[in-house]
Amino acid sequence: MGVGLGELSELERCILDAAGGRWTDPAGGRETIREQFGISVTRYYQVLNALLDEPAALAYDPLVVKRLLRQRERDRRERSARRLAN
């Protein structure tokens, strides 16, 4: 993902900052993601999800990464439970 081993690109750091709430979005999500990062909302979440598995991201912001990993796991469990219920 990052520029080199153990490094995050500026975009990756900004995405983690946004996910951690250090980046404010007064206008509302989707348009701001496109404007701030120059990528689609889908791509933003793809990059964010991949970052959660990067040791460099964990080193950069362990609290945010761990919180998002817990949330990702909780979402996966809920989707699995819904599938099993059908």
PDB file of N, CA and C in Angstrom:
ATOM      1  N   MET A   1       0.819  -1.191   0.000  1.00  0.00           N
ATOM      2  CA  MET A   1       0.000   0.000   0.000  1.00  0.00           C
ATOM      3  C   MET A   1       0.861   1.252   0.000  1.00  0.00           C
ATOM      4  N   GLY A   2       1.699   1.419   1.007  1.00  0.00           N
ATOM      5  CA  GLY A   2       2.418   2.671   1.191  1.00  0.00           C
ATOM      6  C   GLY A   2       3.545   2.867   0.210  1.00  0.00           C
ATOM      7  N   VAL A   3       4.264   3.967   0.401  1.00  0.00           N
ATOM      8  CA  VAL A   3       5.349   4.347  -0.477  1.00  0.00           C
ATOM      9  C   VAL A   3       6.477   3.340  -0.383  1.00  0.00           C
ATOM     10  N   GLY A   4       6.832   2.908   0.775  1.00  0.00           N
ATOM     11  CA  GLY A   4       7.886   1.929   0.976  1.00  0.00           C
ATOM     12  C   GLY A   4       7.536   1.051   2.155  1.00  0.00           C
ATOM     13  N   LEU A   5       8.433   0.127   2.467  1.00  0.00           N
ATOM     14  CA  LEU A   5       8.175  -0.742   3.606  1.00  0.00           C
ATOM     15  C   LEU A   5       8.027   0.085   4.870  1.00  0.00           C
ATOM     16  N   GLY A   6       6.934  -0.089   5.559  1.00  0.00           N
ATOM     17  CA  GLY A   6       6.721   0.606   6.809  1.00  0.00           C
ATOM     18  C   GLY A   6       6.282   2.047   6.683  1.00  0.00           C
ATOM     19  N   GLU A   7       6.046   2.512   5.476  1.00  0.00           N
ATOM     20  CA  GLU A   7       5.628   3.894   5.271  1.00  0.00           C
ATOM     21  C   GLU A   7       4.222   3.953   4.705  1.00  0.00           C
ATOM     22  N   LEU A   8       3.523   4.982   5.092  1.00  0.00           N
ATOM     23  CA  LEU A   8       2.214   5.262   4.498  1.00  0.00           C
ATOM     24  C   LEU A   8       2.364   6.461   3.582  1.00  0.00           C
ATOM     25  N   SER A   9       1.619   6.452   2.500  1.00  0.00           N
ATOM     26  CA  SER A   9       1.609   7.621   1.628  1.00  0.00           C
ATOM     27  C   SER A   9       0.828   8.745   2.304  1.00  0.00           C
ATOM     28  N   GLU A  10       0.960   9.927   1.775  1.00  0.00           N
ATOM     29  CA  GLU A  10       0.205  11.057   2.323  1.00  0.00           C
ATOM     30  C   GLU A  10      -1.297  10.791   2.228  1.00  0.00           C
ATOM     31  N   LEU A  11      -1.752  10.233   1.107  1.00  0.00           N
ATOM     32  CA  LEU A  11      -3.172   9.903   0.943  1.00  0.00           C
ATOM     33  C   LEU A  11      -3.618   8.913   2.009  1.00  0.00           C
ATOM     34  N   GLU A  12      -2.812   7.885   2.257  1.00  0.00           N
ATOM     35  CA  GLU A  12      -3.176   6.881   3.258  1.00  0.00           C
ATOM     36  C   GLU A  12      -3.261   7.489   4.650  1.00  0.00           C
ATOM     37  N   ARG A  13      -2.311   8.355   4.994  1.00  0.00           N
ATOM     38  CA  ARG A  13      -2.364   9.025   6.299  1.00  0.00           C
ATOM     39  C   ARG A  13      -3.612   9.895   6.406  1.00  0.00           C
ATOM     40  N   CYS A  14      -3.934  10.610   5.341  1.00  0.00           N
ATOM     41  CA  CYS A  14      -5.127  11.468   5.353  1.00  0.00           C
ATOM     42  C   CYS A  14      -6.406  10.648   5.493  1.00  0.00           C
ATOM     43  N   ILE A  15      -6.447   9.502   4.842  1.00  0.00           N
ATOM     44  CA  ILE A  15      -7.623   8.634   4.944  1.00  0.00           C
ATOM     45  C   ILE A  15      -7.772   8.119   6.375  1.00  0.00           C
ATOM     46  N   LEU A  16      -6.675   7.712   6.997  1.00  0.00           N
ATOM     47  CA  LEU A  16      -6.747   7.279   8.396  1.00  0.00           C
ATOM     48  C   LEU A  16      -7.150   8.432   9.302  1.00  0.00           C
ATOM     49  N   ASP A  17      -6.629   9.616   9.035  1.00  0.00           N
ATOM     50  CA  ASP A  17      -7.015  10.783   9.832  1.00  0.00           C
ATOM     51  C   ASP A  17      -8.511  11.054   9.698  1.00  0.00           C
ATOM     52  N   ALA A  18      -9.022  10.959   8.482  1.00  0.00           N
ATOM     53  CA  ALA A  18     -10.450  11.182   8.256  1.00  0.00           C
ATOM     54  C   ALA A  18     -11.273  10.136   8.991  1.00  0.00           C
ATOM     55  N   ALA A  19     -10.858   8.880   8.903  1.00  0.00           N
ATOM     56  CA  ALA A  19     -11.587   7.802   9.570  1.00  0.00           C
ATOM     57  C   ALA A  19     -11.536   7.945  11.080  1.00  0.00           C
ATOM     58  N   GLY A  20     -10.473   8.571  11.580  1.00  0.00           N
ATOM     59  CA  GLY A  20     -10.323   8.748  13.020  1.00  0.00           C
ATOM     60  C   GLY A  20     -11.013   9.979  13.561  1.00  0.00           C
ATOM     61  N   GLY A  21     -11.583  10.771  12.677  1.00  0.00           N
ATOM     62  CA  GLY A  21     -12.319  11.932  13.122  1.00  0.00           C
ATOM     63  C   GLY A  21     -11.487  13.191  13.285  1.00  0.00           C
ATOM     64  N   ARG A  22     -10.193  13.117  12.943  1.00  0.00           N
ATOM     65  CA  ARG A  22      -9.356  14.318  13.034  1.00  0.00           C
ATOM     66  C   ARG A  22      -9.588  15.231  11.844  1.00  0.00           C
ATOM     67  N   TRP A  23     -10.318  14.735  10.879  1.00  0.00           N
ATOM     68  CA  TRP A  23     -10.634  15.467   9.659  1.00  0.00           C
ATOM     69  C   TRP A  23     -12.122  15.745   9.727  1.00  0.00           C
ATOM     70  N   THR A  24     -12.495  16.981   9.649  1.00  0.00           N
ATOM     71  CA  THR A  24     -13.910  17.305   9.783  1.00  0.00           C
ATOM     72  C   THR A  24     -14.570  17.407   8.431  1.00  0.00           C
ATOM     73  N   ASP A  25     -15.834  17.122   8.407  1.00  0.00           N
ATOM     74  CA  ASP A  25     -16.585  17.095   7.168  1.00  0.00           C
ATOM     75  C   ASP A  25     -17.901  17.833   7.363  1.00  0.00           C
ATOM     76  N   PRO A  26     -17.887  19.165   7.377  1.00  0.00           N
ATOM     77  CA  PRO A  26     -19.118  19.900   7.629  1.00  0.00           C
ATOM     78  C   PRO A  26     -20.138  19.780   6.503  1.00  0.00           C
ATOM     79  N   ALA A  27     -19.691  19.484   5.286  1.00  0.00           N
ATOM     80  CA  ALA A  27     -20.595  19.450   4.132  1.00  0.00           C
ATOM     81  C   ALA A  27     -21.301  18.117   3.972  1.00  0.00           C
ATOM     82  N   GLY A  28     -20.776  17.069   4.534  1.00  0.00           N
ATOM     83  CA  GLY A  28     -21.372  15.754   4.341  1.00  0.00           C
ATOM     84  C   GLY A  28     -20.472  14.895   3.470  1.00  0.00           C
ATOM     85  N   GLY A  29     -20.370  13.647   3.782  1.00  0.00           N
ATOM     86  CA  GLY A  29     -19.420  12.665   3.308  1.00  0.00           C
ATOM     87  C   GLY A  29     -19.024  12.521   1.867  1.00  0.00           C
ATOM     88  N   ARG A  30     -19.908  12.063   1.028  1.00  0.00           N
ATOM     89  CA  ARG A  30     -19.523  11.615  -0.305  1.00  0.00           C
ATOM     90  C   ARG A  30     -18.837  12.689  -1.132  1.00  0.00           C
ATOM     91  N   GLU A  31     -19.426  13.849  -1.206  1.00  0.00           N
ATOM     92  CA  GLU A  31     -18.843  14.910  -2.017  1.00  0.00           C
ATOM     93  C   GLU A  31     -17.502  15.361  -1.456  1.00  0.00           C
ATOM     94  N   THR A  32     -17.399  15.423  -0.154  1.00  0.00           N
ATOM     95  CA  THR A  32     -16.152  15.842   0.477  1.00  0.00           C
ATOM     96  C   THR A  32     -15.050  14.825   0.223  1.00  0.00           C
ATOM     97  N   ILE A  33     -15.369  13.547   0.263  1.00  0.00           N
ATOM     98  CA  ILE A  33     -14.380  12.512  -0.047  1.00  0.00           C
ATOM     99  C   ILE A  33     -13.854  12.724  -1.455  1.00  0.00           C
ATOM    100  N   ARG A  34     -14.744  12.946  -2.403  1.00  0.00           N
ATOM    101  CA  ARG A  34     -14.312  13.169  -3.786  1.00  0.00           C
ATOM    102  C   ARG A  34     -13.434  14.403  -3.907  1.00  0.00           C
ATOM    103  N   GLU A  35     -13.838  15.477  -3.238  1.00  0.00           N
ATOM    104  CA  GLU A  35     -13.093  16.735  -3.327  1.00  0.00           C
ATOM    105  C   GLU A  35     -11.753  16.659  -2.599  1.00  0.00           C
ATOM    106  N   GLN A  36     -11.750  16.141  -1.387  1.00  0.00           N
ATOM    107  CA  GLN A  36     -10.541  16.116  -0.574  1.00  0.00           C
ATOM    108  C   GLN A  36      -9.495  15.118  -1.067  1.00  0.00           C
ATOM    109  N   PHE A  37      -9.960  13.955  -1.501  1.00  0.00           N
ATOM    110  CA  PHE A  37      -9.029  12.887  -1.837  1.00  0.00           C
ATOM    111  C   PHE A  37      -8.906  12.637  -3.335  1.00  0.00           C
ATOM    112  N   GLY A  38      -9.828  13.156  -4.123  1.00  0.00           N
ATOM    113  CA  GLY A  38      -9.772  12.948  -5.564  1.00  0.00           C
ATOM    114  C   GLY A  38     -10.030  11.509  -5.981  1.00  0.00           C
ATOM    115  N   ILE A  39     -10.763  10.785  -5.142  1.00  0.00           N
ATOM    116  CA  ILE A  39     -11.100   9.391  -5.447  1.00  0.00           C
ATOM    117  C   ILE A  39     -12.584   9.184  -5.175  1.00  0.00           C
ATOM    118  N   SER A  40     -13.122   8.104  -5.709  1.00  0.00           N
ATOM    119  CA  SER A  40     -14.532   7.800  -5.465  1.00  0.00           C
ATOM    120  C   SER A  40     -14.721   7.326  -4.027  1.00  0.00           C
ATOM    121  N   VAL A  41     -15.946   7.382  -3.582  1.00  0.00           N
ATOM    122  CA  VAL A  41     -16.278   6.914  -2.234  1.00  0.00           C
ATOM    123  C   VAL A  41     -15.952   5.425  -2.111  1.00  0.00           C
ATOM    124  N   THR A  42     -16.251   4.672  -3.146  1.00  0.00           N
ATOM    125  CA  THR A  42     -15.946   3.236  -3.137  1.00  0.00           C
ATOM    126  C   THR A  42     -14.454   3.013  -2.964  1.00  0.00           C
ATOM    127  N   ARG A  43     -13.657   3.752  -3.718  1.00  0.00           N
ATOM    128  CA  ARG A  43     -12.200   3.603  -3.621  1.00  0.00           C
ATOM    129  C   ARG A  43     -11.695   4.012  -2.232  1.00  0.00           C
ATOM    130  N   TYR A  44     -12.266   5.064  -1.680  1.00  0.00           N
ATOM    131  CA  TYR A  44     -11.899   5.504  -0.319  1.00  0.00           C
ATOM    132  C   TYR A  44     -12.058   4.345   0.663  1.00  0.00           C
ATOM    133  N   TYR A  45     -13.214   3.678   0.621  1.00  0.00           N
ATOM    134  CA  TYR A  45     -13.447   2.590   1.563  1.00  0.00           C
ATOM    135  C   TYR A  45     -12.592   1.364   1.242  1.00  0.00           C
ATOM    136  N   GLN A  46     -12.266   1.148  -0.028  1.00  0.00           N
ATOM    137  CA  GLN A  46     -11.355   0.055  -0.379  1.00  0.00           C
ATOM    138  C   GLN A  46      -9.971   0.306   0.219  1.00  0.00           C
ATOM    139  N   VAL A  47      -9.480   1.523   0.066  1.00  0.00           N
ATOM    140  CA  VAL A  47      -8.161   1.878   0.603  1.00  0.00           C
ATOM    141  C   VAL A  47      -8.181   1.785   2.126  1.00  0.00           C
ATOM    142  N   LEU A  48      -9.217   2.344   2.742  1.00  0.00           N
ATOM    143  CA  LEU A  48      -9.325   2.303   4.199  1.00  0.00           C
ATOM    144  C   LEU A  48      -9.339   0.867   4.700  1.00  0.00           C
ATOM    145  N   ASN A  49     -10.127   0.017   4.082  1.00  0.00           N
ATOM    146  CA  ASN A  49     -10.215  -1.376   4.510  1.00  0.00           C
ATOM    147  C   ASN A  49      -8.870  -2.088   4.362  1.00  0.00           C
ATOM    148  N   ALA A  50      -8.161  -1.838   3.264  1.00  0.00           N
ATOM    149  CA  ALA A  50      -6.843  -2.450   3.064  1.00  0.00           C
ATOM    150  C   ALA A  50      -5.839  -1.921   4.094  1.00  0.00           C
ATOM    151  N   LEU A  51      -5.944  -0.657   4.431  1.00  0.00           N
ATOM    152  CA  LEU A  51      -5.031  -0.060   5.411  1.00  0.00           C
ATOM    153  C   LEU A  51      -5.141  -0.735   6.776  1.00  0.00           C
ATOM    154  N   LEU A  52      -6.310  -1.209   7.111  1.00  0.00           N
ATOM    155  CA  LEU A  52      -6.502  -1.825   8.423  1.00  0.00           C
ATOM    156  C   LEU A  52      -5.625  -3.050   8.616  1.00  0.00           C
ATOM    157  N   ASP A  53      -5.179  -3.646   7.518  1.00  0.00           N
ATOM    158  CA  ASP A  53      -4.337  -4.840   7.580  1.00  0.00           C
ATOM    159  C   ASP A  53      -2.849  -4.513   7.457  1.00  0.00           C
ATOM    160  N   GLU A  54      -2.513  -3.244   7.359  1.00  0.00           N
ATOM    161  CA  GLU A  54      -1.122  -2.809   7.188  1.00  0.00           C
ATOM    162  C   GLU A  54      -0.472  -2.497   8.534  1.00  0.00           C
ATOM    163  N   PRO A  55       0.651  -3.118   8.839  1.00  0.00           N
ATOM    164  CA  PRO A  55       1.367  -2.786  10.083  1.00  0.00           C
ATOM    165  C   PRO A  55       1.724  -1.300  10.182  1.00  0.00           C
ATOM    166  N   ALA A  56       2.024  -0.668   9.068  1.00  0.00           N
ATOM    167  CA  ALA A  56       2.368   0.760   9.096  1.00  0.00           C
ATOM    168  C   ALA A  56       1.182   1.603   9.555  1.00  0.00           C
ATOM    169  N   ALA A  57      -0.027   1.196   9.185  1.00  0.00           N
ATOM    170  CA  ALA A  57      -1.219   1.927   9.621  1.00  0.00           C
ATOM    171  C   ALA A  57      -1.410   1.756  11.123  1.00  0.00           C
ATOM    172  N   LEU A  58      -1.184   0.560  11.612  1.00  0.00           N
ATOM    173  CA  LEU A  58      -1.298   0.309  13.054  1.00  0.00           C
ATOM    174  C   LEU A  58      -0.268   1.140  13.815  1.00  0.00           C
ATOM    175  N   ALA A  59       0.939   1.240  13.282  1.00  0.00           N
ATOM    176  CA  ALA A  59       1.971   2.047  13.927  1.00  0.00           C
ATOM    177  C   ALA A  59       1.615   3.529  13.881  1.00  0.00           C
ATOM    178  N   TYR A  60       1.004   3.972  12.793  1.00  0.00           N
ATOM    179  CA  TYR A  60       0.655   5.387  12.628  1.00  0.00           C
ATOM    180  C   TYR A  60      -0.448   5.816  13.591  1.00  0.00           C
ATOM    181  N   ASP A  61      -1.495   4.996  13.704  1.00  0.00           N
ATOM    182  CA  ASP A  61      -2.617   5.361  14.574  1.00  0.00           C
ATOM    183  C   ASP A  61      -3.277   4.102  15.135  1.00  0.00           C
ATOM    184  N   PRO A  62      -2.681   3.521  16.165  1.00  0.00           N
ATOM    185  CA  PRO A  62      -3.189   2.248  16.684  1.00  0.00           C
ATOM    186  C   PRO A  62      -4.618   2.315  17.206  1.00  0.00           C
ATOM    187  N   LEU A  63      -5.003   3.418  17.822  1.00  0.00           N
ATOM    188  CA  LEU A  63      -6.362   3.496  18.365  1.00  0.00           C
ATOM    189  C   LEU A  63      -7.411   3.453  17.260  1.00  0.00           C
ATOM    190  N   VAL A  64      -7.201   4.218  16.215  1.00  0.00           N
ATOM    191  CA  VAL A  64      -8.165   4.242  15.106  1.00  0.00           C
ATOM    192  C   VAL A  64      -8.199   2.892  14.401  1.00  0.00           C
ATOM    193  N   VAL A  65      -7.028   2.336  14.112  1.00  0.00           N
ATOM    194  CA  VAL A  65      -6.984   1.058  13.396  1.00  0.00           C
ATOM    195  C   VAL A  65      -7.660  -0.036  14.217  1.00  0.00           C
ATOM    196  N   LYS A  66      -7.370  -0.105  15.505  1.00  0.00           N
ATOM    197  CA  LYS A  66      -7.990  -1.141  16.336  1.00  0.00           C
ATOM    198  C   LYS A  66      -9.501  -0.949  16.434  1.00  0.00           C
ATOM    199  N   ARG A  67      -9.944   0.303  16.547  1.00  0.00           N
ATOM    200  CA  ARG A  67     -11.389   0.570  16.599  1.00  0.00           C
ATOM    201  C   ARG A  67     -12.054   0.134  15.303  1.00  0.00           C
ATOM    202  N   LEU A  68     -11.437   0.457  14.168  1.00  0.00           N
ATOM    203  CA  LEU A  68     -12.024   0.096  12.877  1.00  0.00           C
ATOM    204  C   LEU A  68     -11.972  -1.411  12.639  1.00  0.00           C
ATOM    205  N   LEU A  69     -10.934  -2.074  13.124  1.00  0.00           N
ATOM    206  CA  LEU A  69     -10.881  -3.535  13.014  1.00  0.00           C
ATOM    207  C   LEU A  69     -12.004  -4.186  13.818  1.00  0.00           C
ATOM    208  N   ARG A  70     -12.256  -3.663  15.022  1.00  0.00           N
ATOM    209  CA  ARG A  70     -13.371  -4.194  15.826  1.00  0.00           C
ATOM    210  C   ARG A  70     -14.703  -3.969  15.115  1.00  0.00           C
ATOM    211  N   GLN A  71     -14.862  -2.777  14.557  1.00  0.00           N
ATOM    212  CA  GLN A  71     -16.097  -2.472  13.832  1.00  0.00           C
ATOM    213  C   GLN A  71     -16.251  -3.372  12.613  1.00  0.00           C
ATOM    214  N   ARG A  72     -15.170  -3.599  11.869  1.00  0.00           N
ATOM    215  CA  ARG A  72     -15.222  -4.475  10.693  1.00  0.00           C
ATOM    216  C   ARG A  72     -15.624  -5.891  11.096  1.00  0.00           C
ATOM    217  N   GLU A  73     -15.041  -6.391  12.174  1.00  0.00           N
ATOM    218  CA  GLU A  73     -15.371  -7.737  12.638  1.00  0.00           C
ATOM    219  C   GLU A  73     -16.822  -7.818  13.103  1.00  0.00           C
ATOM    220  N   ARG A  74     -17.287  -6.801  13.807  1.00  0.00           N
ATOM    221  CA  ARG A  74     -18.685  -6.762  14.263  1.00  0.00           C
ATOM    222  C   ARG A  74     -19.626  -6.761  13.063  1.00  0.00           C
ATOM    223  N   ASP A  75     -19.311  -5.972  12.037  1.00  0.00           N
ATOM    224  CA  ASP A  75     -20.137  -5.931  10.828  1.00  0.00           C
ATOM    225  C   ASP A  75     -20.157  -7.284  10.124  1.00  0.00           C
ATOM    226  N   ARG A  76     -19.009  -7.957  10.071  1.00  0.00           N
ATOM    227  CA  ARG A  76     -18.946  -9.285   9.442  1.00  0.00           C
ATOM    228  C   ARG A  76     -19.812 -10.291  10.201  1.00  0.00           C
ATOM    229  N   ARG A  77     -19.737 -10.249  11.530  1.00  0.00           N
ATOM    230  CA  ARG A  77     -20.560 -11.170  12.334  1.00  0.00           C
ATOM    231  C   ARG A  77     -22.047 -10.918  12.108  1.00  0.00           C
ATOM    232  N   GLU A  78     -22.432  -9.634  12.049  1.00  0.00           N
ATOM    233  CA  GLU A  78     -23.844  -9.304  11.821  1.00  0.00           C
ATOM    234  C   GLU A  78     -24.311  -9.766  10.452  1.00  0.00           C
ATOM    235  N   ARG A  79     -23.473  -9.588   9.425  1.00  0.00           N
ATOM    236  CA  ARG A  79     -23.852 -10.069   8.081  1.00  0.00           C
ATOM    237  C   ARG A  79     -23.988 -11.589   8.072  1.00  0.00           C
ATOM    238  N   SER A  80     -23.078 -12.273   8.735  1.00  0.00           N
ATOM    239  CA  SER A  80     -23.149 -13.738   8.798  1.00  0.00           C
ATOM    240  C   SER A  80     -24.410 -14.183   9.515  1.00  0.00           C
ATOM    241  N   ALA A  81     -24.749 -13.519  10.601  1.00  0.00           N
ATOM    242  CA  ALA A  81     -25.943 -13.881  11.360  1.00  0.00           C
ATOM    243  C   ALA A  81     -27.201 -13.672  10.519  1.00  0.00           C
ATOM    244  N   ARG A  82     -27.235 -12.588   9.750  1.00  0.00           N
ATOM    245  CA  ARG A  82     -28.396 -12.331   8.890  1.00  0.00           C
ATOM    246  C   ARG A  82     -28.509 -13.405   7.812  1.00  0.00           C
ATOM    247  N   ARG A  83     -27.377 -13.809   7.247  1.00  0.00           N
ATOM    248  CA  ARG A  83     -27.415 -14.860   6.220  1.00  0.00           C
ATOM    249  C   ARG A  83     -27.890 -16.176   6.796  1.00  0.00           C
ATOM    250  N   LEU A  84     -27.437 -16.505   7.990  1.00  0.00           N
ATOM    251  CA  LEU A  84     -27.852 -17.747   8.611  1.00  0.00           C
ATOM    252  C   LEU A  84     -29.333 -17.726   9.000  1.00  0.00           C
ATOM    253  N   ALA A  85     -29.847 -16.549   9.280  1.00  0.00           N
ATOM    254  CA  ALA A  85     -31.253 -16.417   9.681  1.00  0.00           C
ATOM    255  C   ALA A  85     -32.189 -16.586   8.484  1.00  0.00           C
ATOM    256  N   ASN A  86     -31.691 -16.378   7.286  1.00  0.00           N
ATOM    257  CA  ASN A  86     -32.555 -16.485   6.088  1.00  0.00           C
ATOM    258  C   ASN A  86     -32.677 -17.874   5.598  1.00  0.00           C
TER     259      ASN A  86
END
